Amino acid sequence: MKDLIKESINDLKKSDGFVYVTSEGNKIDLHEAAAKGIAVTPVNPKDEVIKKLEAAGLLLLDGKFVNDLNELISLISGAGSSKGKSGKRRTFTDSEKTKIVEEWKKVEAAGKKTKAAFAREIGVGYQTFINWLRG
């Protein structure tokens, strides 16, 4: 599967519109075919790639399948591990910031975590957390 995907990427990158194929199905350069007097058929490389991928079970023209595949990739890569986060920034009130800083002081006294690990756990950037500590 990995080789098929790489081959498909290469086929799409190297073609400038159409690929020319002989009657036997072999790819050939248009200038070479003309010089040798070989009849060719222009083929859209996207169509060929789609056929190969569909034969391997990757139905990339099926929107539902593509959405499911993207979700799977997202979950595997960790990008989908936000568990309910909407992607929008969270605004903390001053009292919430104060409580978080107080909690950090307890964690720091126990020596359990680094500042960066604590910031990740509460869902804020490291530099934001440092700014809160400077207060």
C-alpha atoms as a PDB file:
ATOM      1  CA  MET A   1       0.000   0.000   0.000  1.00  0.00           C
ATOM      2  CA  LYS A   2       2.830   2.368   0.902  1.00  0.00           C
ATOM      3  CA  ASP A   3       4.509   1.789  -2.467  1.00  0.00           C
ATOM      4  CA  LEU A   4       1.207   2.299  -4.290  1.00  0.00           C
ATOM      5  CA  ILE A   5       0.675   5.654  -2.586  1.00  0.00           C
ATOM      6  CA  LYS A   6       4.237   6.798  -3.327  1.00  0.00           C
ATOM      7  CA  GLU A   7       3.901   5.662  -6.951  1.00  0.00           C
ATOM      8  CA  SER A   8       0.608   7.543  -7.251  1.00  0.00           C
ATOM      9  CA  ILE A   9       2.160  10.723  -5.869  1.00  0.00           C
ATOM     10  CA  ASN A  10       5.063  10.439  -8.297  1.00  0.00           C
ATOM     11  CA  ASP A  11       2.739   9.815 -11.246  1.00  0.00           C
ATOM     12  CA  LEU A  12       0.740  12.940 -10.446  1.00  0.00           C
ATOM     13  CA  LYS A  13       3.791  15.131  -9.802  1.00  0.00           C
ATOM     14  CA  LYS A  14       5.736  14.256 -12.921  1.00  0.00           C
ATOM     15  CA  SER A  15       2.902  14.570 -15.423  1.00  0.00           C
ATOM     16  CA  ASP A  16       2.126  17.872 -17.119  1.00  0.00           C
ATOM     17  CA  GLY A  17      -1.509  17.200 -17.886  1.00  0.00           C
ATOM     18  CA  PHE A  18      -1.660  13.946 -19.814  1.00  0.00           C
ATOM     19  CA  VAL A  19       0.327  10.736 -20.027  1.00  0.00           C
ATOM     20  CA  TYR A  20       0.605   9.055 -23.401  1.00  0.00           C
ATOM     21  CA  VAL A  21       0.057   5.313 -23.646  1.00  0.00           C
ATOM     22  CA  THR A  22       0.707   2.896 -26.497  1.00  0.00           C
ATOM     23  CA  SER A  23      -1.838   0.324 -27.662  1.00  0.00           C
ATOM     24  CA  GLU A  24      -0.057  -2.213 -25.418  1.00  0.00           C
ATOM     25  CA  GLY A  25      -0.669   0.037 -22.399  1.00  0.00           C
ATOM     26  CA  ASN A  26       2.949   1.201 -21.969  1.00  0.00           C
ATOM     27  CA  LYS A  27       3.674   4.826 -21.096  1.00  0.00           C
ATOM     28  CA  ILE A  28       5.734   6.679 -23.682  1.00  0.00           C
ATOM     29  CA  ASP A  29       6.995  10.212 -24.203  1.00  0.00           C
ATOM     30  CA  LEU A  30       4.970  12.001 -26.881  1.00  0.00           C
ATOM     31  CA  HIS A  31       8.085  13.140 -28.766  1.00  0.00           C
ATOM     32  CA  GLU A  32       9.517   9.613 -28.737  1.00  0.00           C
ATOM     33  CA  ALA A  33       6.215   8.202 -30.014  1.00  0.00           C
ATOM     34  CA  ALA A  34       6.111  10.771 -32.799  1.00  0.00           C
ATOM     35  CA  ALA A  35       9.701  10.046 -33.815  1.00  0.00           C
ATOM     36  CA  LYS A  36       9.006   6.298 -33.971  1.00  0.00           C
ATOM     37  CA  GLY A  37       5.589   6.679 -35.580  1.00  0.00           C
ATOM     38  CA  ILE A  38       3.809   4.960 -32.705  1.00  0.00           C
ATOM     39  CA  ALA A  39       0.116   5.687 -32.171  1.00  0.00           C
ATOM     40  CA  VAL A  40      -0.654   6.820 -28.613  1.00  0.00           C
ATOM     41  CA  THR A  41      -3.692   7.603 -26.549  1.00  0.00           C
ATOM     42  CA  PRO A  42      -3.673  10.541 -24.104  1.00  0.00           C
ATOM     43  CA  VAL A  43      -4.669   9.472 -20.605  1.00  0.00           C
ATOM     44  CA  ASN A  44      -5.390  11.709 -17.632  1.00  0.00           C
ATOM     45  CA  PRO A  45      -2.986  10.509 -14.888  1.00  0.00           C
ATOM     46  CA  LYS A  46      -5.544  11.339 -12.186  1.00  0.00           C
ATOM     47  CA  ASP A  47      -7.966   8.830 -13.690  1.00  0.00           C
ATOM     48  CA  GLU A  48      -5.260   6.158 -13.762  1.00  0.00           C
ATOM     49  CA  VAL A  49      -4.252   6.854 -10.156  1.00  0.00           C
ATOM     50  CA  ILE A  50      -7.877   6.730  -9.013  1.00  0.00           C
ATOM     51  CA  LYS A  51      -8.346   3.364 -10.764  1.00  0.00           C
ATOM     52  CA  LYS A  52      -5.223   1.925  -9.090  1.00  0.00           C
ATOM     53  CA  LEU A  53      -6.232   3.192  -5.652  1.00  0.00           C
ATOM     54  CA  GLU A  54      -9.815   1.920  -6.022  1.00  0.00           C
ATOM     55  CA  ALA A  55      -8.479  -1.498  -7.035  1.00  0.00           C
ATOM     56  CA  ALA A  56      -6.529  -1.481  -3.770  1.00  0.00           C
ATOM     57  CA  GLY A  57      -9.662  -0.557  -1.772  1.00  0.00           C
ATOM     58  CA  LEU A  58      -9.048   3.183  -1.373  1.00  0.00           C
ATOM     59  CA  LEU A  59     -12.277   4.771  -2.583  1.00  0.00           C
ATOM     60  CA  LEU A  60     -11.081   8.373  -2.681  1.00  0.00           C
ATOM     61  CA  LEU A  61     -14.109   9.626  -4.613  1.00  0.00           C
ATOM     62  CA  ASP A  62     -16.427   8.430  -1.829  1.00  0.00           C
ATOM     63  CA  GLY A  63     -16.767  11.419   0.522  1.00  0.00           C
ATOM     64  CA  LYS A  64     -17.816   9.296   3.521  1.00  0.00           C
ATOM     65  CA  PHE A  65     -14.822   7.010   3.064  1.00  0.00           C
ATOM     66  CA  VAL A  66     -12.453   9.997   2.786  1.00  0.00           C
ATOM     67  CA  ASN A  67     -13.909  11.562   5.950  1.00  0.00           C
ATOM     68  CA  ASP A  68     -13.527   8.285   7.836  1.00  0.00           C
ATOM     69  CA  LEU A  69      -9.964   7.884   6.556  1.00  0.00           C
ATOM     70  CA  ASN A  70      -9.066  11.442   7.595  1.00  0.00           C
ATOM     71  CA  GLU A  71     -10.552  10.873  11.043  1.00  0.00           C
ATOM     72  CA  LEU A  72      -8.568   7.645  11.417  1.00  0.00           C
ATOM     73  CA  ILE A  73      -5.333   9.372  10.400  1.00  0.00           C
ATOM     74  CA  SER A  74      -6.088  12.225  12.776  1.00  0.00           C
ATOM     75  CA  LEU A  75      -6.699   9.843  15.690  1.00  0.00           C
ATOM     76  CA  ILE A  76      -3.586   7.799  14.974  1.00  0.00           C
ATOM     77  CA  SER A  77      -1.345  10.839  14.598  1.00  0.00           C
ATOM     78  CA  GLY A  78      -2.657  12.408  17.787  1.00  0.00           C
ATOM     79  CA  ALA A  79      -4.211  15.420  16.100  1.00  0.00           C
ATOM     80  CA  GLY A  80      -7.677  14.187  17.067  1.00  0.00           C
ATOM     81  CA  SER A  81      -6.864  13.625  20.715  1.00  0.00           C
ATOM     82  CA  SER A  82      -8.256  16.993  21.791  1.00  0.00           C
ATOM     83  CA  LYS A  83     -11.404  15.251  23.093  1.00  0.00           C
ATOM     84  CA  GLY A  84     -14.039  17.878  22.636  1.00  0.00           C
ATOM     85  CA  LYS A  85     -11.892  20.934  22.064  1.00  0.00           C
ATOM     86  CA  SER A  86     -13.403  23.177  19.466  1.00  0.00           C
ATOM     87  CA  GLY A  87     -10.086  24.605  18.326  1.00  0.00           C
ATOM     88  CA  LYS A  88     -10.982  28.056  19.654  1.00  0.00           C
ATOM     89  CA  ARG A  89      -8.872  29.771  22.259  1.00  0.00           C
ATOM     90  CA  ARG A  90     -10.021  29.509  25.821  1.00  0.00           C
ATOM     91  CA  THR A  91     -10.157  32.669  27.901  1.00  0.00           C
ATOM     92  CA  PHE A  92      -9.462  32.292  31.602  1.00  0.00           C
ATOM     93  CA  THR A  93     -10.846  34.690  34.173  1.00  0.00           C
ATOM     94  CA  ASP A  94      -8.492  36.301  36.682  1.00  0.00           C
ATOM     95  CA  SER A  95      -9.860  34.069  39.444  1.00  0.00           C
ATOM     96  CA  GLU A  96      -9.255  30.949  37.316  1.00  0.00           C
ATOM     97  CA  LYS A  97      -5.690  32.083  36.632  1.00  0.00           C
ATOM     98  CA  THR A  98      -5.135  32.655  40.361  1.00  0.00           C
ATOM     99  CA  LYS A  99      -6.448  29.174  41.211  1.00  0.00           C
ATOM    100  CA  ILE A 100      -4.207  27.621  38.530  1.00  0.00           C
ATOM    101  CA  VAL A 101      -1.136  29.446  39.865  1.00  0.00           C
ATOM    102  CA  GLU A 102      -1.990  28.323  43.424  1.00  0.00           C
ATOM    103  CA  GLU A 103      -2.347  24.739  42.184  1.00  0.00           C
ATOM    104  CA  TRP A 104       1.019  25.026  40.428  1.00  0.00           C
ATOM    105  CA  LYS A 105       2.654  26.123  43.705  1.00  0.00           C
ATOM    106  CA  LYS A 106       1.381  22.912  45.348  1.00  0.00           C
ATOM    107  CA  VAL A 107       2.591  20.766  42.439  1.00  0.00           C
ATOM    108  CA  GLU A 108       5.951  22.578  42.389  1.00  0.00           C
ATOM    109  CA  ALA A 109       6.421  22.074  46.141  1.00  0.00           C
ATOM    110  CA  ALA A 110       5.812  18.356  45.677  1.00  0.00           C
ATOM    111  CA  GLY A 111       8.269  18.326  42.765  1.00  0.00           C
ATOM    112  CA  LYS A 112       5.935  16.245  40.631  1.00  0.00           C
ATOM    113  CA  LYS A 113       5.938  18.060  37.277  1.00  0.00           C
ATOM    114  CA  THR A 114       7.744  20.561  35.125  1.00  0.00           C
ATOM    115  CA  LYS A 115       6.120  23.879  34.261  1.00  0.00           C
ATOM    116  CA  ALA A 116       5.763  22.758  30.651  1.00  0.00           C
ATOM    117  CA  ALA A 117       4.029  19.501  31.630  1.00  0.00           C
ATOM    118  CA  PHE A 118       1.682  21.347  33.959  1.00  0.00           C
ATOM    119  CA  ALA A 119       0.829  23.916  31.280  1.00  0.00           C
ATOM    120  CA  ARG A 120       0.037  21.129  28.779  1.00  0.00           C
ATOM    121  CA  GLU A 121      -2.142  19.398  31.341  1.00  0.00           C
ATOM    122  CA  ILE A 122      -4.269  22.487  31.943  1.00  0.00           C
ATOM    123  CA  GLY A 123      -4.435  23.269  28.243  1.00  0.00           C
ATOM    124  CA  VAL A 124      -2.475  26.508  27.973  1.00  0.00           C
ATOM    125  CA  GLY A 125       0.735  27.373  26.219  1.00  0.00           C
ATOM    126  CA  TYR A 126       3.964  27.287  28.187  1.00  0.00           C
ATOM    127  CA  GLN A 127       4.711  30.983  27.641  1.00  0.00           C
ATOM    128  CA  THR A 128       1.168  31.938  28.670  1.00  0.00           C
ATOM    129  CA  PHE A 129       1.584  29.971  31.878  1.00  0.00           C
ATOM    130  CA  ILE A 130       4.959  31.637  32.569  1.00  0.00           C
ATOM    131  CA  ASN A 131       3.304  35.046  32.086  1.00  0.00           C
ATOM    132  CA  TRP A 132       0.652  34.091  34.628  1.00  0.00           C
ATOM    133  CA  LEU A 133       3.366  33.143  37.114  1.00  0.00           C
ATOM    134  CA  ARG A 134       5.069  36.514  36.625  1.00  0.00           C
ATOM    135  CA  GLY A 135       1.663  37.993  37.266  1.00  0.00           C
END
